[in-house]
Amino acid sequence: MSIDEVEVEHEHGPGMNIRSLPAKFVLTACAATMAELVTFPLDLTKTRLQIQGEAASHQFLGVKTKKPYRGMIQTAVGIVKEEGLFKLWHGITSAICRHTVYSGVRIVTYEQLRDSVLCKDEEGCFPLWKAVIGGMVAGGLGQFFASPADLIKVQMQMEGRRRLEGKPPRVHGISQAFMKILSEGGIRGLWAGWIPNVQRAALVSLGDLTTYDTVKQFLLRNTTLKDNSLCHGLSSICAGLVAASLGTPADVIKSRIMNQTRDKQGRGLQYKSTTDCLMKTIKKEGL
């Protein structure tokens, strides 16, 4: 999501800056909710693909799982056939909570860093190096606060697959999942996998926010395009491609750490750390 999509005009005096922060957060939350409702089936199929490679590559706790799907479309069709159409939105509530917190904190933090800390240059432009710093800090901070909701979302997304494999249900809803994780691993358990999660968010924000601003400035300076929806659309497409490319490896590691089976103390039984998960994934499945 671009900064400009939630920017509020400051034409009513200096006090408007402070009062506009809650408005920006609310607008961002509304936009995040709509975006999540539309894109959640894609996110669910992505998570299933990320986890199934792990299941197919090794035998864990005596259970051997075959790799059932190849590609996004086949995965989505398989979910509809085996679990039902509405299972494509299983876990949407936790996803909306996660996206609201993440996007709200990220956008507000980035704007404050851009306008009050790092500041634009004399020509009113935001240098690339400042955008890189601001984007990564804002993205990492936003994902840190949203990590518990992300953890619950990943586990809920895998429930349908677990039931088809004959495994007992792990979570039944947000409240039950929250209390279960809290009772097993304490407060620390809610932030399981937060390191690759923050790394992913920082990389995604690096590609998203910085590419968007850079491409938009390039188009306005070097083409006949005006600051309109077409310019925003082209900038967003470029930003999305760069963000997805940078964030996917960390996203795979994050999903696998969050989904792994844990002992009674909340410790992972498959991966000891982010590095351990990365090395095992590369060794068994390739780079």
Protein backbone atom coordinates (compact mmCIF):
# COMPACT_ATOMS: atom_id res chain seq x y z
CA MET A 1 0.00 0.00 0.00
CA SER A 2 1.37 3.40 -0.95
CA ILE A 3 1.90 6.29 1.41
CA ASP A 4 -0.16 8.57 -0.79
CA GLU A 5 -3.25 6.40 -0.59
CA VAL A 6 -3.74 7.30 3.06
CA GLU A 7 -2.22 10.77 3.12
CA VAL A 8 -4.40 13.48 4.65
CA GLU A 9 -4.12 17.04 3.44
CA HIS A 10 -2.58 19.52 5.91
CA GLU A 11 -4.32 22.73 4.90
CA HIS A 12 -5.82 23.74 8.23
CA GLY A 13 -2.81 24.82 10.24
CA PRO A 14 0.06 23.11 12.06
CA GLY A 15 -2.23 21.45 14.63
CA MET A 16 -3.76 19.28 11.90
CA ASN A 17 -0.67 17.06 11.82
CA ILE A 18 -1.31 15.66 15.27
CA ARG A 19 -5.05 15.28 14.83
CA SER A 20 -4.61 13.56 11.49
CA LEU A 21 -2.63 10.61 12.89
CA PRO A 22 -5.72 8.77 14.21
CA ALA A 23 -7.48 9.47 10.92
CA LYS A 24 -4.57 8.01 8.96
CA PHE A 25 -4.60 4.90 11.13
CA VAL A 26 -8.35 4.41 10.70
CA LEU A 27 -8.17 4.92 6.93
CA THR A 28 -5.25 2.50 6.74
CA ALA A 29 -7.17 -0.09 8.79
CA CYS A 30 -10.18 0.16 6.45
CA ALA A 31 -7.97 -0.18 3.38
CA ALA A 32 -6.11 -3.12 4.96
CA THR A 33 -9.40 -4.89 5.72
CA MET A 34 -10.63 -4.58 2.14
CA ALA A 35 -7.25 -5.67 0.76
CA GLU A 36 -7.18 -8.71 3.05
CA LEU A 37 -10.69 -9.80 2.08
CA VAL A 38 -9.74 -9.75 -1.59
CA THR A 39 -6.25 -11.27 -1.38
CA PHE A 40 -6.64 -13.75 1.49
CA PRO A 41 -7.29 -16.80 -0.76
CA LEU A 42 -3.97 -16.07 -2.47
CA ASP A 43 -2.27 -15.80 0.91
CA LEU A 44 -3.75 -19.09 2.06
CA THR A 45 -2.62 -20.94 -1.07
CA LYS A 46 0.83 -19.38 -0.67
CA THR A 47 1.10 -20.65 2.90
CA ARG A 48 -0.03 -24.16 1.89
CA LEU A 49 2.61 -24.28 -0.86
CA GLN A 50 5.31 -23.06 1.51
CA ILE A 51 4.50 -25.74 4.08
CA GLN A 52 3.88 -28.67 1.74
CA GLY A 53 7.44 -28.52 0.39
CA GLU A 54 8.63 -29.07 3.93
CA ALA A 55 6.26 -32.01 4.46
CA ALA A 56 7.30 -33.68 1.23
CA SER A 57 11.01 -33.34 1.86
CA HIS A 58 11.31 -35.28 5.07
CA GLN A 59 9.51 -37.61 7.45
CA PHE A 60 8.67 -36.04 10.76
CA LEU A 61 7.39 -37.92 13.81
CA GLY A 62 6.77 -40.97 11.66
CA VAL A 63 4.24 -39.25 9.38
CA LYS A 64 4.96 -39.19 5.64
CA THR A 65 3.05 -36.63 3.59
CA LYS A 66 2.99 -36.58 -0.19
CA LYS A 67 3.25 -33.34 -2.07
CA PRO A 68 -0.34 -32.89 -3.38
CA TYR A 69 -0.28 -29.68 -5.37
CA ARG A 70 1.80 -27.92 -8.01
CA GLY A 71 1.22 -24.24 -8.43
CA MET A 72 -1.17 -21.65 -7.05
CA ILE A 73 -4.21 -22.48 -9.18
CA GLN A 74 -4.08 -26.24 -8.55
CA THR A 75 -3.68 -25.58 -4.83
CA ALA A 76 -6.70 -23.25 -4.73
CA VAL A 77 -8.83 -25.70 -6.75
CA GLY A 78 -7.77 -28.55 -4.48
CA ILE A 79 -8.77 -26.61 -1.37
CA VAL A 80 -12.20 -25.88 -2.83
CA LYS A 81 -12.76 -29.54 -3.82
CA GLU A 82 -11.47 -31.11 -0.62
CA GLU A 83 -12.51 -28.55 2.00
CA GLY A 84 -15.12 -26.25 0.45
CA LEU A 85 -15.17 -22.81 -1.15
CA PHE A 86 -15.36 -20.80 2.05
CA LYS A 87 -12.26 -22.54 3.45
CA LEU A 88 -10.31 -20.23 1.16
CA TRP A 89 -11.12 -17.57 3.78
CA HIS A 90 -10.43 -19.73 6.84
CA GLY A 91 -8.49 -17.57 9.28
CA ILE A 92 -9.55 -14.27 7.70
CA THR A 93 -10.33 -12.66 11.09
CA SER A 94 -6.81 -13.11 12.38
CA ALA A 95 -5.47 -11.92 9.03
CA ILE A 96 -7.50 -8.70 9.26
CA CYS A 97 -6.23 -8.11 12.81
CA ARG A 98 -2.67 -8.69 11.65
CA HIS A 99 -2.98 -6.48 8.57
CA THR A 100 -4.67 -3.66 10.51
CA VAL A 101 -1.91 -3.50 13.11
CA TYR A 102 0.90 -4.01 10.61
CA SER A 103 -0.28 -1.52 8.00
CA GLY A 104 -1.36 1.08 10.52
CA VAL A 105 1.92 1.08 12.40
CA ARG A 106 3.97 0.87 9.21
CA ILE A 107 2.29 3.73 7.37
CA VAL A 108 2.15 6.11 10.34
CA THR A 109 5.74 5.33 11.34
CA TYR A 110 7.04 5.77 7.79
CA GLU A 111 5.31 9.10 7.35
CA GLN A 112 6.59 10.40 10.66
CA LEU A 113 10.13 9.30 9.83
CA ARG A 114 9.87 10.83 6.36
CA ASP A 115 8.36 14.14 7.42
CA SER A 116 9.78 14.75 10.91
CA VAL A 117 12.98 12.73 11.38
CA LEU A 118 14.69 12.03 8.07
CA CYS A 119 12.99 14.92 6.25
CA LYS A 120 12.80 15.74 2.55
CA ASP A 121 15.49 17.73 0.76
CA GLU A 122 15.27 21.37 -0.26
CA GLU A 123 13.48 20.45 -3.50
CA GLY A 124 10.77 18.58 -1.61
CA CYS A 125 12.03 15.12 -2.66
CA PHE A 126 12.77 12.17 -0.40
CA PRO A 127 16.25 10.72 -1.20
CA LEU A 128 16.45 6.98 -1.90
CA TRP A 129 18.79 6.21 1.00
CA LYS A 130 16.40 7.86 3.44
CA ALA A 131 13.48 5.97 1.95
CA VAL A 132 15.40 2.69 2.42
CA ILE A 133 16.03 3.40 6.10
CA GLY A 134 12.51 4.65 6.76
CA GLY A 135 10.87 1.76 4.91
CA MET A 136 12.80 -0.97 6.69
CA VAL A 137 12.38 0.53 10.16
CA ALA A 138 8.66 1.13 9.65
CA GLY A 139 8.04 -2.32 8.18
CA GLY A 140 10.02 -4.14 10.85
CA LEU A 141 8.34 -2.26 13.68
CA GLY A 142 4.87 -2.82 12.27
CA GLN A 143 5.42 -6.56 11.84
CA PHE A 144 6.85 -6.94 15.34
CA PHE A 145 3.61 -5.66 16.84
CA ALA A 146 1.52 -7.76 14.44
CA SER A 147 3.52 -10.99 14.88
CA PRO A 148 1.12 -12.70 17.37
CA ALA A 149 -1.80 -12.27 14.95
CA ASP A 150 0.39 -13.53 12.10
CA LEU A 151 1.29 -16.64 14.11
CA ILE A 152 -2.38 -17.45 14.69
CA LYS A 153 -3.19 -16.77 11.03
CA VAL A 154 -0.58 -19.24 9.76
CA GLN A 155 -1.76 -21.98 12.12
CA MET A 156 -5.41 -21.46 11.17
CA GLN A 157 -4.54 -21.56 7.47
CA MET A 158 -3.04 -25.02 7.91
CA GLU A 159 -5.97 -26.52 9.85
CA GLY A 160 -7.76 -27.79 6.75
CA ARG A 161 -4.65 -29.61 5.56
CA ARG A 162 -4.09 -31.13 9.00
CA ARG A 163 -7.62 -32.54 9.11
CA LEU A 164 -7.27 -34.10 5.66
CA GLU A 165 -4.07 -35.79 6.87
CA GLY A 166 -5.87 -37.23 9.88
CA LYS A 167 -4.16 -34.99 12.42
CA PRO A 168 -6.08 -33.60 15.42
CA PRO A 169 -7.23 -29.97 15.18
CA ARG A 170 -4.78 -27.54 16.68
CA VAL A 171 -6.77 -24.30 16.83
CA HIS A 172 -10.49 -23.50 16.62
CA GLY A 173 -10.49 -19.71 16.56
CA ILE A 174 -8.55 -16.60 17.47
CA SER A 175 -9.39 -16.58 21.18
CA GLN A 176 -8.73 -20.29 21.65
CA ALA A 177 -5.50 -20.14 19.66
CA PHE A 178 -4.31 -17.11 21.62
CA MET A 179 -4.95 -18.77 24.99
CA LYS A 180 -3.42 -22.07 23.83
CA ILE A 181 -0.21 -20.43 22.66
CA LEU A 182 -0.06 -18.27 25.78
CA SER A 183 -0.53 -21.26 28.12
CA GLU A 184 2.11 -23.36 26.35
CA GLY A 185 4.80 -20.80 25.64
CA GLY A 186 3.88 -17.73 27.66
CA ILE A 187 4.16 -14.22 26.26
CA ARG A 188 7.32 -15.25 24.43
CA GLY A 189 5.37 -17.97 22.61
CA LEU A 190 3.17 -15.36 20.96
CA TRP A 191 6.24 -13.99 19.22
CA ALA A 192 7.48 -17.36 17.91
CA GLY A 193 9.05 -16.77 14.52
CA TRP A 194 9.21 -13.01 14.99
CA ILE A 195 12.81 -12.75 13.74
CA PRO A 196 12.16 -14.01 10.17
CA ASN A 197 8.81 -12.25 10.32
CA VAL A 198 10.43 -8.89 11.01
CA GLN A 199 13.13 -9.63 8.44
CA ARG A 200 10.47 -10.37 5.84
CA ALA A 201 8.52 -7.22 6.68
CA ALA A 202 11.64 -5.07 6.52
CA LEU A 203 12.53 -6.49 3.10
CA VAL A 204 8.96 -6.14 1.82
CA SER A 205 8.79 -2.55 3.03
CA LEU A 206 12.20 -1.89 1.53
CA GLY A 207 10.88 -2.98 -1.83
CA ASP A 208 7.36 -1.63 -1.44
CA LEU A 209 7.62 1.83 0.04
CA THR A 210 10.97 2.78 -1.44
CA THR A 211 10.24 1.48 -4.93
CA TYR A 212 6.84 3.16 -4.96
CA ASP A 213 8.23 6.59 -4.07
CA THR A 214 11.21 6.20 -6.42
CA VAL A 215 9.17 5.03 -9.42
CA LYS A 216 6.53 7.67 -8.85
CA GLN A 217 9.11 10.47 -8.75
CA PHE A 218 10.77 9.07 -11.88
CA LEU A 219 7.47 8.97 -13.78
CA LEU A 220 6.51 12.50 -12.75
CA ARG A 221 9.91 13.93 -13.69
CA ASN A 222 10.62 12.01 -16.90
CA THR A 223 7.22 11.33 -18.48
CA THR A 224 4.07 13.25 -19.27
CA LEU A 225 2.10 11.39 -16.59
CA LYS A 226 0.43 13.44 -13.89
CA ASP A 227 -0.02 12.54 -10.23
CA ASN A 228 -3.13 10.43 -10.91
CA SER A 229 -4.42 6.87 -10.62
CA LEU A 230 -2.42 5.66 -13.62
CA CYS A 231 0.83 6.92 -12.12
CA HIS A 232 -0.08 5.37 -8.78
CA GLY A 233 -1.02 2.08 -10.45
CA LEU A 234 2.26 1.76 -12.37
CA SER A 235 4.24 2.65 -9.26
CA SER A 236 2.33 0.09 -7.20
CA ILE A 237 2.91 -2.70 -9.75
CA CYS A 238 6.66 -2.09 -9.71
CA ALA A 239 6.66 -1.88 -5.91
CA GLY A 240 4.73 -5.15 -5.57
CA LEU A 241 7.08 -7.07 -7.85
CA VAL A 242 10.18 -5.87 -6.01
CA ALA A 243 8.63 -6.44 -2.57
CA ALA A 244 7.52 -10.01 -3.38
CA SER A 245 10.93 -10.92 -4.80
CA LEU A 246 12.79 -9.62 -1.75
CA GLY A 247 10.44 -10.98 0.90
CA THR A 248 9.62 -14.52 -0.31
CA PRO A 249 12.64 -16.40 1.16
CA ALA A 250 12.10 -14.92 4.62
CA ASP A 251 8.36 -15.54 4.26
CA VAL A 252 8.92 -19.27 3.68
CA ILE A 253 11.13 -19.51 6.77
CA LYS A 254 8.61 -17.53 8.81
CA SER A 255 5.69 -19.76 7.82
CA ARG A 256 7.55 -22.97 8.61
CA ILE A 257 8.74 -21.81 12.02
CA MET A 258 5.26 -20.59 12.97
CA ASN A 259 3.59 -23.82 11.78
CA GLN A 260 6.00 -26.31 13.35
CA THR A 261 4.93 -28.64 16.15
CA ARG A 262 5.96 -27.49 19.62
CA ASP A 263 6.52 -29.19 22.97
CA LYS A 264 4.73 -28.36 26.21
CA GLN A 265 7.14 -25.50 26.84
CA GLY A 266 6.37 -23.95 23.48
CA ARG A 267 9.73 -24.86 21.92
CA GLY A 268 9.84 -25.89 18.28
CA LEU A 269 10.53 -29.57 17.57
CA GLN A 270 11.62 -29.20 13.95
CA TYR A 271 13.69 -26.02 13.91
CA LYS A 272 15.83 -24.54 16.63
CA SER A 273 16.24 -21.13 15.02
CA THR A 274 15.83 -19.11 11.85
CA THR A 275 19.27 -20.18 10.68
CA ASP A 276 18.52 -23.84 11.38
CA CYS A 277 15.31 -23.64 9.33
CA LEU A 278 17.10 -21.88 6.49
CA MET A 279 19.92 -24.43 6.32
CA LYS A 280 17.58 -27.44 6.49
CA THR A 281 15.35 -25.99 3.78
CA ILE A 282 18.27 -25.35 1.43
CA LYS A 283 19.84 -28.74 2.15
CA LYS A 284 16.66 -30.77 1.55
CA GLU A 285 14.87 -28.72 -1.10
CA GLY A 286 17.50 -26.52 -2.70
CA LEU A 287 17.97 -22.78 -2.84
